[in-house]
N, C-alpha and C. Protein backbone atom coordinates (compact mmCIF):
# COMPACT_ATOMS: atom_id res chain seq x y z
N MET A 1 7.94 15.08 -14.83
CA MET A 1 7.25 15.90 -13.86
C MET A 1 6.37 15.00 -13.01
N ASN A 2 6.29 15.25 -11.72
CA ASN A 2 5.55 14.41 -10.80
C ASN A 2 4.31 15.16 -10.32
N ASP A 3 3.15 14.57 -10.50
CA ASP A 3 1.91 15.15 -10.03
C ASP A 3 1.77 14.80 -8.56
N GLU A 4 1.87 15.78 -7.68
CA GLU A 4 1.95 15.51 -6.24
C GLU A 4 0.65 15.01 -5.64
N THR A 5 -0.48 15.31 -6.25
CA THR A 5 -1.74 14.85 -5.68
C THR A 5 -1.99 13.39 -5.96
N THR A 6 -1.49 12.88 -7.08
CA THR A 6 -1.78 11.50 -7.43
C THR A 6 -0.58 10.59 -7.31
N GLY A 7 0.62 11.16 -7.30
CA GLY A 7 1.81 10.34 -7.22
C GLY A 7 2.20 9.72 -8.54
N THR A 8 1.48 10.07 -9.61
CA THR A 8 1.83 9.53 -10.92
C THR A 8 2.77 10.48 -11.62
N GLN A 9 3.42 9.97 -12.65
CA GLN A 9 4.39 10.78 -13.35
C GLN A 9 3.92 11.03 -14.77
N ASP A 10 4.14 12.23 -15.26
CA ASP A 10 3.86 12.54 -16.65
C ASP A 10 5.11 12.29 -17.46
N THR A 11 4.94 11.58 -18.56
CA THR A 11 6.05 11.35 -19.46
C THR A 11 6.16 12.56 -20.37
N PRO A 12 7.34 13.13 -20.55
CA PRO A 12 7.47 14.28 -21.43
C PRO A 12 7.03 13.95 -22.85
N ALA A 13 6.44 14.94 -23.52
CA ALA A 13 5.97 14.73 -24.89
C ALA A 13 7.13 14.37 -25.79
N GLY A 14 6.88 13.39 -26.65
CA GLY A 14 7.90 13.00 -27.61
C GLY A 14 8.94 12.04 -27.06
N SER A 15 8.82 11.65 -25.80
CA SER A 15 9.82 10.74 -25.25
C SER A 15 9.50 9.32 -25.67
N PRO A 16 10.51 8.49 -25.78
CA PRO A 16 10.25 7.11 -26.17
C PRO A 16 9.56 6.35 -25.06
N GLY A 17 8.91 5.29 -25.40
CA GLY A 17 8.25 4.49 -24.37
C GLY A 17 6.78 4.34 -24.65
N GLU A 18 6.00 4.39 -23.60
CA GLU A 18 4.57 4.13 -23.73
C GLU A 18 3.79 5.33 -24.23
N GLY A 19 4.40 6.43 -24.45
CA GLY A 19 3.69 7.60 -24.92
C GLY A 19 3.62 8.64 -23.84
N THR A 20 2.76 9.62 -24.07
CA THR A 20 2.64 10.69 -23.10
C THR A 20 1.54 10.38 -22.11
N GLY A 21 1.57 11.11 -21.02
CA GLY A 21 0.53 10.95 -20.02
C GLY A 21 1.04 10.34 -18.74
N PRO A 22 0.15 10.22 -17.78
CA PRO A 22 0.55 9.66 -16.48
C PRO A 22 0.86 8.18 -16.59
N ARG A 23 1.80 7.76 -15.79
CA ARG A 23 2.15 6.35 -15.69
C ARG A 23 1.71 5.84 -14.33
N PRO A 24 1.26 4.59 -14.27
CA PRO A 24 0.81 4.05 -12.98
C PRO A 24 1.98 3.90 -12.01
N GLU A 25 1.69 4.12 -10.74
CA GLU A 25 2.70 3.95 -9.70
C GLU A 25 2.81 2.47 -9.36
N PRO A 26 4.02 1.94 -9.35
CA PRO A 26 4.16 0.50 -9.04
C PRO A 26 3.85 0.20 -7.57
N LEU A 27 3.24 -0.95 -7.35
CA LEU A 27 2.96 -1.43 -6.00
C LEU A 27 4.02 -2.46 -5.61
N ARG A 28 4.31 -2.53 -4.32
CA ARG A 28 5.28 -3.52 -3.83
C ARG A 28 4.79 -4.92 -4.17
N PHE A 29 5.67 -5.74 -4.72
CA PHE A 29 5.45 -7.11 -5.15
C PHE A 29 4.63 -7.23 -6.43
N TYR A 30 4.02 -6.14 -6.91
CA TYR A 30 3.15 -6.21 -8.08
C TYR A 30 3.65 -5.39 -9.26
N GLY A 31 4.48 -4.42 -9.00
CA GLY A 31 4.90 -3.53 -10.07
C GLY A 31 3.68 -2.80 -10.62
N THR A 32 3.53 -2.79 -11.92
CA THR A 32 2.35 -2.16 -12.52
C THR A 32 1.39 -3.20 -13.09
N THR A 33 1.52 -4.45 -12.66
CA THR A 33 0.61 -5.50 -13.16
C THR A 33 -0.82 -5.29 -12.66
N TRP A 34 -1.00 -4.47 -11.64
CA TRP A 34 -2.33 -4.23 -11.09
C TRP A 34 -3.22 -3.44 -12.06
N VAL A 35 -2.62 -2.74 -13.02
CA VAL A 35 -3.41 -1.91 -13.93
C VAL A 35 -4.31 -2.78 -14.81
N ASN A 36 -3.73 -3.77 -15.46
CA ASN A 36 -4.50 -4.63 -16.38
C ASN A 36 -4.65 -6.06 -15.87
N HIS A 37 -4.18 -6.33 -14.66
CA HIS A 37 -4.23 -7.68 -14.08
C HIS A 37 -3.57 -8.69 -15.01
N ASP A 38 -2.37 -8.35 -15.47
CA ASP A 38 -1.64 -9.23 -16.39
C ASP A 38 -0.27 -9.57 -15.82
N ASN A 39 0.51 -10.34 -16.57
CA ASN A 39 1.88 -10.72 -16.21
C ASN A 39 1.97 -11.36 -14.82
N GLY A 40 1.09 -12.31 -14.55
CA GLY A 40 1.18 -13.05 -13.29
C GLY A 40 0.55 -12.35 -12.10
N TYR A 41 -0.38 -11.46 -12.34
CA TYR A 41 -1.04 -10.72 -11.25
C TYR A 41 -1.69 -11.68 -10.25
N THR A 42 -2.44 -12.66 -10.76
CA THR A 42 -3.14 -13.59 -9.88
C THR A 42 -2.15 -14.42 -9.06
N ALA A 43 -1.09 -14.88 -9.71
CA ALA A 43 -0.07 -15.65 -9.00
C ALA A 43 0.61 -14.78 -7.93
N ARG A 44 0.83 -13.53 -8.24
CA ARG A 44 1.43 -12.62 -7.25
C ARG A 44 0.50 -12.42 -6.06
N ARG A 45 -0.80 -12.29 -6.34
CA ARG A 45 -1.75 -12.13 -5.24
C ARG A 45 -1.78 -13.36 -4.37
N ILE A 46 -1.79 -14.52 -4.97
CA ILE A 46 -1.77 -15.77 -4.20
C ILE A 46 -0.48 -15.85 -3.40
N GLY A 47 0.63 -15.50 -4.04
CA GLY A 47 1.93 -15.55 -3.36
C GLY A 47 2.03 -14.59 -2.19
N THR A 48 1.54 -13.36 -2.38
CA THR A 48 1.63 -12.40 -1.28
C THR A 48 0.68 -12.76 -0.15
N ALA A 49 -0.49 -13.31 -0.49
CA ALA A 49 -1.41 -13.74 0.56
C ALA A 49 -0.80 -14.89 1.36
N ALA A 50 -0.26 -15.87 0.66
CA ALA A 50 0.36 -17.01 1.35
C ALA A 50 1.60 -16.57 2.13
N GLY A 51 2.39 -15.70 1.54
CA GLY A 51 3.61 -15.23 2.21
C GLY A 51 3.32 -14.43 3.46
N SER A 52 2.33 -13.53 3.38
CA SER A 52 2.02 -12.73 4.57
C SER A 52 1.38 -13.58 5.66
N LEU A 53 0.58 -14.58 5.28
CA LEU A 53 0.00 -15.47 6.28
C LEU A 53 1.09 -16.33 6.93
N ALA A 54 2.02 -16.82 6.11
CA ALA A 54 3.13 -17.62 6.65
C ALA A 54 4.01 -16.77 7.58
N ALA A 55 4.27 -15.54 7.18
CA ALA A 55 5.07 -14.64 8.02
C ALA A 55 4.36 -14.34 9.34
N ALA A 56 3.03 -14.18 9.28
CA ALA A 56 2.26 -13.95 10.52
C ALA A 56 2.31 -15.19 11.42
N ALA A 57 2.25 -16.37 10.83
CA ALA A 57 2.33 -17.60 11.62
C ALA A 57 3.70 -17.74 12.28
N VAL A 58 4.75 -17.45 11.53
CA VAL A 58 6.10 -17.51 12.10
C VAL A 58 6.25 -16.45 13.20
N ALA A 59 5.67 -15.26 12.98
CA ALA A 59 5.75 -14.21 13.99
C ALA A 59 5.03 -14.63 15.27
N CYS A 60 3.89 -15.31 15.13
CA CYS A 60 3.18 -15.80 16.32
C CYS A 60 4.00 -16.87 17.04
N LEU A 61 4.71 -17.69 16.28
CA LEU A 61 5.59 -18.69 16.88
C LEU A 61 6.72 -18.02 17.67
N VAL A 62 7.29 -16.99 17.09
CA VAL A 62 8.35 -16.24 17.79
C VAL A 62 7.80 -15.59 19.06
N LEU A 63 6.60 -15.03 18.97
CA LEU A 63 5.97 -14.45 20.17
C LEU A 63 5.69 -15.52 21.22
N ARG A 64 5.36 -16.71 20.77
CA ARG A 64 5.14 -17.82 21.71
C ARG A 64 6.44 -18.16 22.46
N PHE A 65 7.56 -18.18 21.73
CA PHE A 65 8.85 -18.42 22.38
C PHE A 65 9.17 -17.31 23.37
N ALA A 66 8.84 -16.08 23.01
CA ALA A 66 9.07 -14.96 23.93
C ALA A 66 8.22 -15.12 25.18
N TYR A 67 6.99 -15.55 25.00
CA TYR A 67 6.11 -15.78 26.15
C TYR A 67 6.68 -16.87 27.06
N GLN A 68 7.19 -17.94 26.45
CA GLN A 68 7.79 -19.00 27.26
C GLN A 68 9.03 -18.49 28.00
N GLY A 69 9.78 -17.61 27.36
CA GLY A 69 10.94 -17.02 28.04
C GLY A 69 10.52 -16.17 29.23
N ILE A 70 9.42 -15.46 29.09
CA ILE A 70 8.92 -14.65 30.20
C ILE A 70 8.46 -15.56 31.34
N GLN A 71 7.83 -16.67 30.98
CA GLN A 71 7.37 -17.62 32.01
C GLN A 71 8.56 -18.24 32.74
N ILE A 72 9.62 -18.57 31.98
CA ILE A 72 10.81 -19.15 32.60
C ILE A 72 11.49 -18.14 33.52
N ALA A 73 11.47 -16.86 33.11
CA ALA A 73 12.08 -15.82 33.93
C ALA A 73 11.29 -15.57 35.21
N ASN A 74 10.04 -16.02 35.24
CA ASN A 74 9.21 -15.91 36.42
C ASN A 74 9.11 -14.45 36.91
N VAL A 75 8.73 -13.57 35.97
CA VAL A 75 8.63 -12.15 36.30
C VAL A 75 7.33 -11.80 36.99
N GLY A 76 6.40 -12.70 37.01
CA GLY A 76 5.13 -12.44 37.68
C GLY A 76 3.99 -12.39 36.68
N SER A 77 2.81 -12.66 37.19
CA SER A 77 1.64 -12.73 36.31
C SER A 77 1.22 -11.35 35.80
N PHE A 78 1.42 -10.31 36.61
CA PHE A 78 1.04 -8.97 36.18
C PHE A 78 1.85 -8.52 34.96
N VAL A 79 3.17 -8.73 35.01
CA VAL A 79 4.04 -8.34 33.90
C VAL A 79 3.72 -9.18 32.66
N THR A 80 3.48 -10.45 32.85
CA THR A 80 3.14 -11.34 31.74
C THR A 80 1.84 -10.87 31.08
N LEU A 81 0.83 -10.59 31.90
CA LEU A 81 -0.44 -10.10 31.38
C LEU A 81 -0.26 -8.76 30.66
N LEU A 82 0.55 -7.90 31.23
CA LEU A 82 0.80 -6.59 30.63
C LEU A 82 1.44 -6.73 29.24
N ILE A 83 2.37 -7.62 29.11
CA ILE A 83 3.04 -7.83 27.82
C ILE A 83 2.07 -8.42 26.80
N ILE A 84 1.26 -9.37 27.22
CA ILE A 84 0.29 -9.98 26.30
C ILE A 84 -0.71 -8.93 25.82
N VAL A 85 -1.23 -8.13 26.75
CA VAL A 85 -2.19 -7.09 26.39
C VAL A 85 -1.53 -6.06 25.47
N MET A 86 -0.27 -5.71 25.75
CA MET A 86 0.44 -4.74 24.90
C MET A 86 0.55 -5.24 23.47
N PHE A 87 0.96 -6.50 23.29
CA PHE A 87 1.06 -7.04 21.94
C PHE A 87 -0.30 -7.14 21.26
N ALA A 88 -1.33 -7.49 22.00
CA ALA A 88 -2.67 -7.59 21.42
C ALA A 88 -3.18 -6.23 20.97
N ILE A 89 -3.05 -5.22 21.82
CA ILE A 89 -3.52 -3.88 21.47
C ILE A 89 -2.71 -3.30 20.31
N CYS A 90 -1.40 -3.44 20.38
CA CYS A 90 -0.56 -2.91 19.29
C CYS A 90 -0.84 -3.62 17.97
N SER A 91 -1.11 -4.91 18.01
CA SER A 91 -1.44 -5.64 16.78
C SER A 91 -2.77 -5.18 16.21
N ALA A 92 -3.75 -4.95 17.09
CA ALA A 92 -5.05 -4.48 16.63
C ALA A 92 -4.92 -3.08 16.02
N LEU A 93 -4.17 -2.20 16.68
CA LEU A 93 -3.98 -0.84 16.14
C LEU A 93 -3.19 -0.87 14.84
N ALA A 94 -2.19 -1.73 14.75
CA ALA A 94 -1.40 -1.84 13.52
C ALA A 94 -2.25 -2.38 12.38
N PHE A 95 -3.13 -3.34 12.69
CA PHE A 95 -4.05 -3.85 11.67
C PHE A 95 -4.91 -2.73 11.13
N GLY A 96 -5.52 -1.98 12.04
CA GLY A 96 -6.40 -0.87 11.62
C GLY A 96 -5.66 0.18 10.83
N HIS A 97 -4.47 0.54 11.27
CA HIS A 97 -3.70 1.56 10.56
C HIS A 97 -3.28 1.07 9.18
N THR A 98 -2.80 -0.16 9.09
CA THR A 98 -2.38 -0.72 7.81
C THR A 98 -3.57 -0.83 6.86
N TRP A 99 -4.71 -1.23 7.38
CA TRP A 99 -5.92 -1.34 6.56
C TRP A 99 -6.31 0.02 5.99
N GLU A 100 -6.21 1.05 6.81
CA GLU A 100 -6.56 2.40 6.35
C GLU A 100 -5.58 2.93 5.30
N THR A 101 -4.30 2.51 5.37
CA THR A 101 -3.35 2.98 4.37
C THR A 101 -3.63 2.40 3.00
N PHE A 102 -4.44 1.33 2.93
CA PHE A 102 -4.84 0.79 1.64
C PHE A 102 -5.96 1.63 1.03
N LYS A 103 -6.64 2.44 1.84
CA LYS A 103 -7.75 3.26 1.37
C LYS A 103 -7.35 4.70 1.08
N LYS A 104 -6.42 5.24 1.85
CA LYS A 104 -5.95 6.62 1.63
C LYS A 104 -4.50 6.71 2.04
N ARG A 105 -3.81 7.63 1.44
CA ARG A 105 -2.38 7.80 1.71
C ARG A 105 -2.19 8.31 3.14
N PRO A 106 -1.27 7.67 3.87
CA PRO A 106 -1.07 8.10 5.27
C PRO A 106 -0.29 9.41 5.35
N ASP A 107 -0.53 10.14 6.41
CA ASP A 107 0.22 11.36 6.69
C ASP A 107 1.63 10.95 7.11
N PRO A 108 2.67 11.48 6.45
CA PRO A 108 4.05 11.07 6.78
C PRO A 108 4.43 11.33 8.23
N ASP A 109 3.96 12.43 8.81
CA ASP A 109 4.28 12.73 10.21
C ASP A 109 3.63 11.72 11.15
N ARG A 110 2.38 11.40 10.88
CA ARG A 110 1.69 10.41 11.71
C ARG A 110 2.32 9.04 11.54
N GLN A 111 2.70 8.72 10.31
CA GLN A 111 3.36 7.44 10.03
C GLN A 111 4.65 7.32 10.83
N ALA A 112 5.42 8.40 10.89
CA ALA A 112 6.68 8.38 11.63
C ALA A 112 6.43 8.23 13.13
N SER A 113 5.38 8.87 13.62
CA SER A 113 5.10 8.77 15.05
C SER A 113 4.55 7.39 15.44
N LEU A 114 3.98 6.67 14.49
CA LEU A 114 3.44 5.34 14.78
C LEU A 114 4.43 4.22 14.48
N ARG A 115 5.63 4.56 14.11
CA ARG A 115 6.62 3.55 13.72
C ARG A 115 6.84 2.50 14.82
N GLY A 116 6.96 2.93 16.06
CA GLY A 116 7.17 2.00 17.16
C GLY A 116 5.98 1.09 17.38
N LEU A 117 4.78 1.66 17.34
CA LEU A 117 3.56 0.87 17.50
C LEU A 117 3.45 -0.17 16.39
N LEU A 118 3.75 0.24 15.16
CA LEU A 118 3.67 -0.69 14.04
C LEU A 118 4.73 -1.79 14.14
N ALA A 119 5.87 -1.46 14.72
CA ALA A 119 6.91 -2.48 14.90
C ALA A 119 6.48 -3.51 15.94
N ILE A 120 5.85 -3.05 17.01
CA ILE A 120 5.39 -3.99 18.05
C ILE A 120 4.20 -4.80 17.54
N GLY A 121 3.31 -4.17 16.81
CA GLY A 121 2.12 -4.84 16.31
C GLY A 121 2.27 -5.38 14.90
N PHE A 122 3.45 -5.85 14.57
CA PHE A 122 3.73 -6.31 13.21
C PHE A 122 2.83 -7.46 12.77
N VAL A 123 2.34 -8.25 13.69
CA VAL A 123 1.44 -9.35 13.33
C VAL A 123 0.15 -8.79 12.74
N GLY A 124 -0.37 -7.71 13.32
CA GLY A 124 -1.57 -7.08 12.78
C GLY A 124 -1.37 -6.54 11.38
N SER A 125 -0.20 -5.96 11.12
CA SER A 125 0.09 -5.45 9.78
C SER A 125 0.16 -6.59 8.77
N LEU A 126 0.78 -7.69 9.16
CA LEU A 126 0.87 -8.85 8.27
C LEU A 126 -0.52 -9.43 7.98
N LEU A 127 -1.36 -9.48 8.99
CA LEU A 127 -2.71 -10.00 8.78
C LEU A 127 -3.54 -9.07 7.90
N ALA A 128 -3.37 -7.77 8.05
CA ALA A 128 -4.08 -6.82 7.19
C ALA A 128 -3.64 -7.02 5.74
N TYR A 129 -2.35 -7.21 5.53
CA TYR A 129 -1.83 -7.45 4.18
C TYR A 129 -2.41 -8.75 3.62
N PHE A 130 -2.50 -9.78 4.45
CA PHE A 130 -3.07 -11.05 4.00
C PHE A 130 -4.53 -10.88 3.58
N PHE A 131 -5.34 -10.28 4.45
CA PHE A 131 -6.77 -10.15 4.14
C PHE A 131 -7.01 -9.27 2.91
N ARG A 132 -6.22 -8.22 2.73
CA ARG A 132 -6.40 -7.37 1.56
C ARG A 132 -5.96 -8.11 0.29
N SER A 133 -4.95 -8.96 0.41
CA SER A 133 -4.48 -9.73 -0.76
C SER A 133 -5.52 -10.73 -1.25
N LEU A 134 -6.48 -11.07 -0.41
CA LEU A 134 -7.52 -12.00 -0.83
C LEU A 134 -8.47 -11.36 -1.85
N THR A 135 -8.62 -10.05 -1.81
CA THR A 135 -9.55 -9.38 -2.72
C THR A 135 -8.87 -8.56 -3.81
N GLU A 136 -7.71 -8.00 -3.52
CA GLU A 136 -6.99 -7.17 -4.49
C GLU A 136 -5.54 -7.03 -4.04
N ALA A 137 -4.74 -6.44 -4.89
CA ALA A 137 -3.38 -6.10 -4.48
C ALA A 137 -3.50 -5.02 -3.41
N PRO A 138 -2.82 -5.16 -2.28
CA PRO A 138 -2.95 -4.14 -1.23
C PRO A 138 -2.62 -2.74 -1.74
N GLY A 139 -3.60 -1.86 -1.66
CA GLY A 139 -3.44 -0.49 -2.13
C GLY A 139 -3.89 -0.29 -3.56
N GLU A 140 -4.36 -1.35 -4.22
CA GLU A 140 -4.73 -1.24 -5.63
C GLU A 140 -5.89 -0.27 -5.85
N LYS A 141 -6.90 -0.34 -5.01
CA LYS A 141 -8.07 0.53 -5.20
C LYS A 141 -7.67 2.00 -5.11
N LEU A 142 -6.83 2.34 -4.14
CA LEU A 142 -6.35 3.71 -3.99
C LEU A 142 -5.55 4.14 -5.20
N HIS A 143 -4.60 3.31 -5.62
CA HIS A 143 -3.76 3.65 -6.76
C HIS A 143 -4.56 3.72 -8.06
N ARG A 144 -5.53 2.82 -8.21
CA ARG A 144 -6.36 2.84 -9.42
C ARG A 144 -7.17 4.13 -9.49
N LYS A 145 -7.73 4.53 -8.38
CA LYS A 145 -8.52 5.77 -8.35
C LYS A 145 -7.63 6.97 -8.70
N GLU A 146 -6.44 7.03 -8.11
CA GLU A 146 -5.52 8.13 -8.40
C GLU A 146 -5.06 8.10 -9.85
N TYR A 147 -4.78 6.91 -10.37
CA TYR A 147 -4.32 6.77 -11.75
C TYR A 147 -5.42 7.18 -12.73
N GLU A 148 -6.64 6.71 -12.51
CA GLU A 148 -7.75 7.06 -13.40
C GLU A 148 -8.04 8.55 -13.36
N THR A 149 -7.92 9.16 -12.18
CA THR A 149 -8.10 10.61 -12.06
C THR A 149 -7.02 11.34 -12.85
N ALA A 150 -5.78 10.87 -12.74
CA ALA A 150 -4.67 11.50 -13.46
C ALA A 150 -4.83 11.34 -14.96
N VAL A 151 -5.29 10.17 -15.41
CA VAL A 151 -5.50 9.94 -16.84
C VAL A 151 -6.62 10.85 -17.35
N ALA A 152 -7.72 10.93 -16.60
CA ALA A 152 -8.83 11.80 -17.02
C ALA A 152 -8.38 13.26 -17.06
N HIS A 153 -7.60 13.67 -16.07
CA HIS A 153 -7.10 15.05 -16.04
C HIS A 153 -6.17 15.31 -17.23
N HIS A 154 -5.33 14.33 -17.54
CA HIS A 154 -4.40 14.48 -18.67
C HIS A 154 -5.15 14.54 -19.99
N GLU A 155 -6.16 13.69 -20.16
CA GLU A 155 -6.95 13.71 -21.39
C GLU A 155 -7.69 15.02 -21.55
N LYS A 156 -8.22 15.53 -20.45
CA LYS A 156 -8.93 16.80 -20.50
C LYS A 156 -7.98 17.94 -20.87
N ARG A 157 -6.79 17.89 -20.29
CA ARG A 157 -5.80 18.93 -20.55
C ARG A 157 -5.29 18.89 -21.98
N THR A 158 -5.06 17.70 -22.53
CA THR A 158 -4.50 17.59 -23.87
C THR A 158 -5.54 17.69 -24.96
N SER A 159 -6.82 17.48 -24.67
CA SER A 159 -7.84 17.54 -25.70
C SER A 159 -8.48 18.92 -25.82
N ARG A 160 -8.07 19.85 -25.03
CA ARG A 160 -8.65 21.20 -25.10
C ARG A 160 -8.38 21.86 -26.44
N ARG A 161 -7.13 21.76 -26.87
CA ARG A 161 -6.74 22.44 -28.09
C ARG A 161 -6.44 21.41 -29.16
N THR A 162 -7.19 21.50 -30.26
CA THR A 162 -6.95 20.55 -31.34
C THR A 162 -6.32 21.21 -32.55
N ARG A 163 -6.45 22.53 -32.65
CA ARG A 163 -5.88 23.24 -33.80
C ARG A 163 -5.03 24.41 -33.33
N ASN A 164 -4.31 24.95 -34.26
CA ASN A 164 -3.48 26.11 -33.98
C ASN A 164 -4.37 27.34 -33.89
N PRO A 165 -4.42 28.04 -32.74
CA PRO A 165 -5.32 29.18 -32.60
C PRO A 165 -4.90 30.38 -33.46
N SER A 166 -3.67 30.44 -33.89
CA SER A 166 -3.24 31.59 -34.72
C SER A 166 -3.80 31.49 -36.13
N LYS A 167 -4.24 30.30 -36.55
CA LYS A 167 -4.81 30.14 -37.89
C LYS A 167 -6.33 30.22 -37.87
N LYS A 168 -6.86 30.77 -36.81
CA LYS A 168 -8.31 30.88 -36.67
C LYS A 168 -8.87 31.81 -37.74
N ARG A 169 -9.96 31.41 -38.38
CA ARG A 169 -10.60 32.26 -39.40
C ARG A 169 -11.35 33.39 -38.73
N ARG A 170 -11.20 34.53 -39.31
CA ARG A 170 -11.93 35.70 -38.81
C ARG A 170 -13.10 36.00 -39.75
N SER A 171 -14.27 36.24 -39.21
CA SER A 171 -15.44 36.54 -40.03
C SER A 171 -15.63 38.00 -40.23
């Protein structure tokens, strides 16, 4: 069963595995290592930070080649300026949007409508991923809060009844 508010899954009672209760939602590149910071969590954080920074650097290099192509095409200074401003604004908006998705789950409809902006501003998204990787796994705080809420809710739900109510003593 899937708890829609937290995104965690309840394991059916009596099933093999880790037991009953909510399971943590895996994060991209981290799996569930973010829960206990084990199984190479630190190395993964270093790797994702370095990888996203390297990808952003390569993306800037590609944008530089595109800029040189525009200069060679001699389309005019207004068009060149317009393209530069477009990439800068889209990157800033993509950074802000990506940063916010680490704090709260994005609305799927809004996410779909911003797909083009995020594609143009991909450098901003990569930089947001890099900066968040310096302090935690991107999205870890959100997932941890949801997971702890689900665990507390599950414990409260399962600890309500400890005995069989039909065997209650009557005075």
